[in-house]
Structure formats: C-alpha cells, structure tokens
Amino acid sequence: MTHAAAGNTVRIHYTGTLEDGSVFDSSEGRDPLEFTVGSGQIIPGLDRAIDGMATGEQKTVTIPATEAYGEYQAEAKQSVPREQIPADIPLDPGTMLNMQTPDGRQVPVQVAEVTEETVTLDANHPLAGKDLTFAVELVSVA
C-alpha cells in the first residue's frame, strides 16, 4: 500500500465543514483535488494531515485557524470614502472585489459595510479565524 509523502502528487476527495456543521467546500460531484504534498498548494494543516496517509484511507481532521487561513486581522478591514469607488462597481455587502496595492499586487477584498459616506472593505479571507474540519479520502499517490 502506498503512503503519501512530501513531494508526492496526490488526489483526494474531501468535504470541509465549519464548527456548526455547514459545508464550505467539497469535491463531491467533481474530480478529486490534485496537489503535491508539502508544496504549499493547500492550507498547511490539511497538507500535514495528508502526509503519511495510505491510498484508500479515510479520516476526519480538524484544522485550527492558525493552520488554515489564519486568525482574523482587524487591521485588514478598512473604510474608504464612497466617492473613491467608481459608480459602476457593485457595493452589496458580501460582494468580492479586487483592489490593487501601490506595488501593483491584486488583493481580494469583501464589501463588509456600506454607508452614504464610506465603504468598509475586508481583506481577510472569508474563512479567517475559523477552525475547519475536513473529511478526507486519499484516492491516489504518484
């Protein structure tokens, strides 16, 4: 039986849930997720959980926020004057936008709050600050 190790390309089926049991992502109905173990292609805690699994093995792991998308950072939330945002940009709370940093990088942000004067944008990942549980099946190791 083959076991996953750093540098192997693996394929997994998974279902990710939050503490309340709600599903935030799943490979159900799709091809298995393929990645290289230890390469940083997936969140660190899940990557470490896959290392050492045998082909066909299933397990459920809980990944703390610090090993997933990090803790929620209050400083990543910023209010900007509404007039600085072009009128054609949708500003419904929950809408995902891309902002450009002074050095040219694209940063995804979520519209958190809108008033007549300001728009509050949140650059935290939507799953930041949350512990995540994954039911995982290792489909193949190459």
C-alpha atoms as a PDB file:
ATOM      1  CA  MET A   1       0.000   0.000   0.000  1.00  0.00           C
ATOM      2  CA  THR A   2       1.347   3.413  -0.985  1.00  0.00           C
ATOM      3  CA  HIS A   3       1.599   6.218   1.576  1.00  0.00           C
ATOM      4  CA  ALA A   4       1.632   9.946   0.822  1.00  0.00           C
ATOM      5  CA  ALA A   5       4.921  11.748   1.492  1.00  0.00           C
ATOM      6  CA  ALA A   6       6.390  15.167   0.762  1.00  0.00           C
ATOM      7  CA  GLY A   7       6.925  15.573  -2.980  1.00  0.00           C
ATOM      8  CA  ASN A   8       4.237  13.054  -3.978  1.00  0.00           C
ATOM      9  CA  THR A   9       1.365  14.150  -6.200  1.00  0.00           C
ATOM     10  CA  VAL A  10      -1.841  13.029  -4.525  1.00  0.00           C
ATOM     11  CA  ARG A  11      -5.538  13.140  -5.297  1.00  0.00           C
ATOM     12  CA  ILE A  12      -8.082  13.487  -2.501  1.00  0.00           C
ATOM     13  CA  HIS A  13     -11.813  13.685  -2.118  1.00  0.00           C
ATOM     14  CA  TYR A  14     -12.840  15.955   0.742  1.00  0.00           C
ATOM     15  CA  THR A  15     -15.684  17.764   2.432  1.00  0.00           C
ATOM     16  CA  GLY A  16     -14.858  20.831   4.520  1.00  0.00           C
ATOM     17  CA  THR A  17     -17.208  21.910   7.291  1.00  0.00           C
ATOM     18  CA  LEU A  18     -17.366  24.682   9.881  1.00  0.00           C
ATOM     19  CA  GLU A  19     -17.967  24.211  13.613  1.00  0.00           C
ATOM     20  CA  ASP A  20     -21.737  24.440  13.065  1.00  0.00           C
ATOM     21  CA  GLY A  21     -21.584  21.559  10.544  1.00  0.00           C
ATOM     22  CA  SER A  22     -22.224  23.709   7.467  1.00  0.00           C
ATOM     23  CA  VAL A  23     -20.256  22.690   4.360  1.00  0.00           C
ATOM     24  CA  PHE A  24     -17.979  25.408   2.936  1.00  0.00           C
ATOM     25  CA  ASP A  25     -16.351  23.305   0.201  1.00  0.00           C
ATOM     26  CA  SER A  26     -16.437  19.767  -1.184  1.00  0.00           C
ATOM     27  CA  SER A  27     -15.088  17.742  -4.075  1.00  0.00           C
ATOM     28  CA  GLU A  28     -18.381  15.814  -4.253  1.00  0.00           C
ATOM     29  CA  GLY A  29     -19.503  15.548  -7.865  1.00  0.00           C
ATOM     30  CA  ARG A  30     -16.098  16.758  -9.110  1.00  0.00           C
ATOM     31  CA  ASP A  31     -12.741  15.212  -9.865  1.00  0.00           C
ATOM     32  CA  PRO A  32     -10.562  14.679  -6.799  1.00  0.00           C
ATOM     33  CA  LEU A  33      -8.324  17.599  -5.770  1.00  0.00           C
ATOM     34  CA  GLU A  34      -4.770  17.043  -7.029  1.00  0.00           C
ATOM     35  CA  PHE A  35      -1.731  18.659  -5.385  1.00  0.00           C
ATOM     36  CA  THR A  36       1.858  17.964  -4.362  1.00  0.00           C
ATOM     37  CA  VAL A  37       2.296  17.150  -0.671  1.00  0.00           C
ATOM     38  CA  GLY A  38       4.435  19.736   1.119  1.00  0.00           C
ATOM     39  CA  SER A  39       4.375  22.253  -1.745  1.00  0.00           C
ATOM     40  CA  GLY A  40       2.140  24.870  -0.103  1.00  0.00           C
ATOM     41  CA  GLN A  41      -0.667  24.396  -2.643  1.00  0.00           C
ATOM     42  CA  ILE A  42      -3.253  23.790   0.100  1.00  0.00           C
ATOM     43  CA  ILE A  43      -3.642  25.054   3.666  1.00  0.00           C
ATOM     44  CA  PRO A  44      -0.754  23.896   5.898  1.00  0.00           C
ATOM     45  CA  GLY A  45      -2.796  21.905   8.423  1.00  0.00           C
ATOM     46  CA  LEU A  46      -4.510  19.818   5.763  1.00  0.00           C
ATOM     47  CA  ASP A  47      -1.223  19.295   3.917  1.00  0.00           C
ATOM     48  CA  ARG A  48       0.327  17.865   7.107  1.00  0.00           C
ATOM     49  CA  ALA A  49      -2.751  15.665   7.722  1.00  0.00           C
ATOM     50  CA  ILE A  50      -2.369  14.048   4.278  1.00  0.00           C
ATOM     51  CA  ASP A  51       1.338  13.269   4.803  1.00  0.00           C
ATOM     52  CA  GLY A  52       1.575   9.599   5.802  1.00  0.00           C
ATOM     53  CA  MET A  53      -1.955   8.592   4.737  1.00  0.00           C
ATOM     54  CA  ALA A  54      -2.317   5.349   2.780  1.00  0.00           C
ATOM     55  CA  THR A  55      -4.119   5.089  -0.556  1.00  0.00           C
ATOM     56  CA  GLY A  56      -7.805   4.454   0.159  1.00  0.00           C
ATOM     57  CA  GLU A  57      -7.541   5.699   3.759  1.00  0.00           C
ATOM     58  CA  GLN A  58     -10.256   7.989   5.074  1.00  0.00           C
ATOM     59  CA  LYS A  59     -10.084  10.252   8.089  1.00  0.00           C
ATOM     60  CA  THR A  60     -11.581  13.360   9.602  1.00  0.00           C
ATOM     61  CA  VAL A  61      -9.274  16.124  10.837  1.00  0.00           C
ATOM     62  CA  THR A  62      -9.908  19.486  12.467  1.00  0.00           C
ATOM     63  CA  ILE A  63      -7.523  22.211  11.388  1.00  0.00           C
ATOM     64  CA  PRO A  64      -7.156  25.217  13.733  1.00  0.00           C
ATOM     65  CA  ALA A  65      -7.488  28.666  12.149  1.00  0.00           C
ATOM     66  CA  THR A  66      -3.754  29.283  12.608  1.00  0.00           C
ATOM     67  CA  GLU A  67      -3.001  26.337  10.288  1.00  0.00           C
ATOM     68  CA  ALA A  68      -5.779  27.187   7.815  1.00  0.00           C
ATOM     69  CA  TYR A  69      -6.447  30.788   6.719  1.00  0.00           C
ATOM     70  CA  GLY A  70      -5.003  32.445   9.814  1.00  0.00           C
ATOM     71  CA  GLU A  71      -6.546  34.472  12.593  1.00  0.00           C
ATOM     72  CA  TYR A  72      -8.910  37.301  11.747  1.00  0.00           C
ATOM     73  CA  GLN A  73      -6.892  40.539  11.462  1.00  0.00           C
ATOM     74  CA  ALA A  74      -8.891  43.639  12.429  1.00  0.00           C
ATOM     75  CA  GLU A  75      -6.340  45.855  10.658  1.00  0.00           C
ATOM     76  CA  ALA A  76      -7.186  44.150   7.355  1.00  0.00           C
ATOM     77  CA  LYS A  77     -10.581  45.874   7.472  1.00  0.00           C
ATOM     78  CA  GLN A  78     -10.572  49.413   6.104  1.00  0.00           C
ATOM     79  CA  SER A  79     -13.131  52.134   5.420  1.00  0.00           C
ATOM     80  CA  VAL A  80     -12.714  54.260   2.306  1.00  0.00           C
ATOM     81  CA  PRO A  81     -14.701  57.290   1.159  1.00  0.00           C
ATOM     82  CA  ARG A  82     -17.544  56.114  -1.058  1.00  0.00           C
ATOM     83  CA  GLU A  83     -16.692  58.713  -3.723  1.00  0.00           C
ATOM     84  CA  GLN A  84     -13.315  56.975  -4.281  1.00  0.00           C
ATOM     85  CA  ILE A  85     -15.084  53.897  -5.655  1.00  0.00           C
ATOM     86  CA  PRO A  86     -16.343  54.118  -9.250  1.00  0.00           C
ATOM     87  CA  ALA A  87     -20.148  54.184  -9.551  1.00  0.00           C
ATOM     88  CA  ASP A  88     -20.219  51.045 -11.740  1.00  0.00           C
ATOM     89  CA  ILE A  89     -18.651  48.861  -9.005  1.00  0.00           C
ATOM     90  CA  PRO A  90     -21.288  46.773  -7.141  1.00  0.00           C
ATOM     91  CA  LEU A  91     -21.208  47.520  -3.417  1.00  0.00           C
ATOM     92  CA  ASP A  92     -23.625  44.994  -1.949  1.00  0.00           C
ATOM     93  CA  PRO A  93     -22.299  43.612   1.365  1.00  0.00           C
ATOM     94  CA  GLY A  94     -20.615  40.263   0.721  1.00  0.00           C
ATOM     95  CA  THR A  95     -19.510  41.203  -2.811  1.00  0.00           C
ATOM     96  CA  MET A  96     -15.922  40.203  -3.582  1.00  0.00           C
ATOM     97  CA  LEU A  97     -13.751  42.834  -5.304  1.00  0.00           C
ATOM     98  CA  ASN A  98     -10.087  43.103  -6.259  1.00  0.00           C
ATOM     99  CA  MET A  99      -8.023  46.054  -5.098  1.00  0.00           C
ATOM    100  CA  GLN A 100      -4.582  46.933  -6.341  1.00  0.00           C
ATOM    101  CA  THR A 101      -1.826  47.754  -3.853  1.00  0.00           C
ATOM    102  CA  PRO A 102       0.668  50.569  -4.543  1.00  0.00           C
ATOM    103  CA  ASP A 103       3.191  47.926  -5.677  1.00  0.00           C
ATOM    104  CA  GLY A 104       0.709  46.516  -8.222  1.00  0.00           C
ATOM    105  CA  ARG A 105      -0.424  43.345  -6.406  1.00  0.00           C
ATOM    106  CA  GLN A 106      -4.093  42.329  -6.628  1.00  0.00           C
ATOM    107  CA  VAL A 107      -5.749  41.797  -3.240  1.00  0.00           C
ATOM    108  CA  PRO A 108      -9.223  40.257  -2.947  1.00  0.00           C
ATOM    109  CA  VAL A 109     -11.499  42.177  -0.566  1.00  0.00           C
ATOM    110  CA  GLN A 110     -15.077  41.719   0.535  1.00  0.00           C
ATOM    111  CA  VAL A 111     -17.554  44.559   0.900  1.00  0.00           C
ATOM    112  CA  ALA A 112     -18.352  44.450   4.627  1.00  0.00           C
ATOM    113  CA  GLU A 113     -20.496  47.552   5.130  1.00  0.00           C
ATOM    114  CA  VAL A 114     -21.783  50.477   3.066  1.00  0.00           C
ATOM    115  CA  THR A 115     -22.998  53.845   4.336  1.00  0.00           C
ATOM    116  CA  GLU A 116     -23.713  57.061   2.439  1.00  0.00           C
ATOM    117  CA  GLU A 117     -20.182  58.289   3.224  1.00  0.00           C
ATOM    118  CA  THR A 118     -17.985  55.168   3.419  1.00  0.00           C
ATOM    119  CA  VAL A 119     -17.462  51.638   2.165  1.00  0.00           C
ATOM    120  CA  THR A 120     -15.800  49.196   4.561  1.00  0.00           C
ATOM    121  CA  LEU A 121     -13.663  46.598   2.788  1.00  0.00           C
ATOM    122  CA  ASP A 122     -12.319  43.455   4.456  1.00  0.00           C
ATOM    123  CA  ALA A 123      -9.125  41.848   3.111  1.00  0.00           C
ATOM    124  CA  ASN A 124      -9.339  38.857   5.480  1.00  0.00           C
ATOM    125  CA  HIS A 125     -10.018  35.521   3.823  1.00  0.00           C
ATOM    126  CA  PRO A 126     -13.719  34.654   4.366  1.00  0.00           C
ATOM    127  CA  LEU A 127     -12.595  31.646   6.472  1.00  0.00           C
ATOM    128  CA  ALA A 128     -10.020  33.569   8.558  1.00  0.00           C
ATOM    129  CA  GLY A 129     -10.394  32.958  12.275  1.00  0.00           C
ATOM    130  CA  LYS A 130     -12.334  29.722  11.776  1.00  0.00           C
ATOM    131  CA  ASP A 131     -11.328  26.178  12.680  1.00  0.00           C
ATOM    132  CA  LEU A 132     -12.059  23.874   9.734  1.00  0.00           C
ATOM    133  CA  THR A 133     -12.966  20.186   9.723  1.00  0.00           C
ATOM    134  CA  PHE A 134     -12.218  18.003   6.715  1.00  0.00           C
ATOM    135  CA  ALA A 135     -13.453  14.506   5.923  1.00  0.00           C
ATOM    136  CA  VAL A 136     -10.727  13.273   3.577  1.00  0.00           C
ATOM    137  CA  GLU A 137     -10.172  10.212   1.407  1.00  0.00           C
ATOM    138  CA  LEU A 138      -6.765   9.666  -0.205  1.00  0.00           C
ATOM    139  CA  VAL A 139      -7.661   8.453  -3.712  1.00  0.00           C
ATOM    140  CA  SER A 140      -4.185   8.082  -5.223  1.00  0.00           C
ATOM    141  CA  VAL A 141      -0.472   8.743  -4.717  1.00  0.00           C
ATOM    142  CA  ALA A 142       2.002   9.242  -7.565  1.00  0.00           C
END
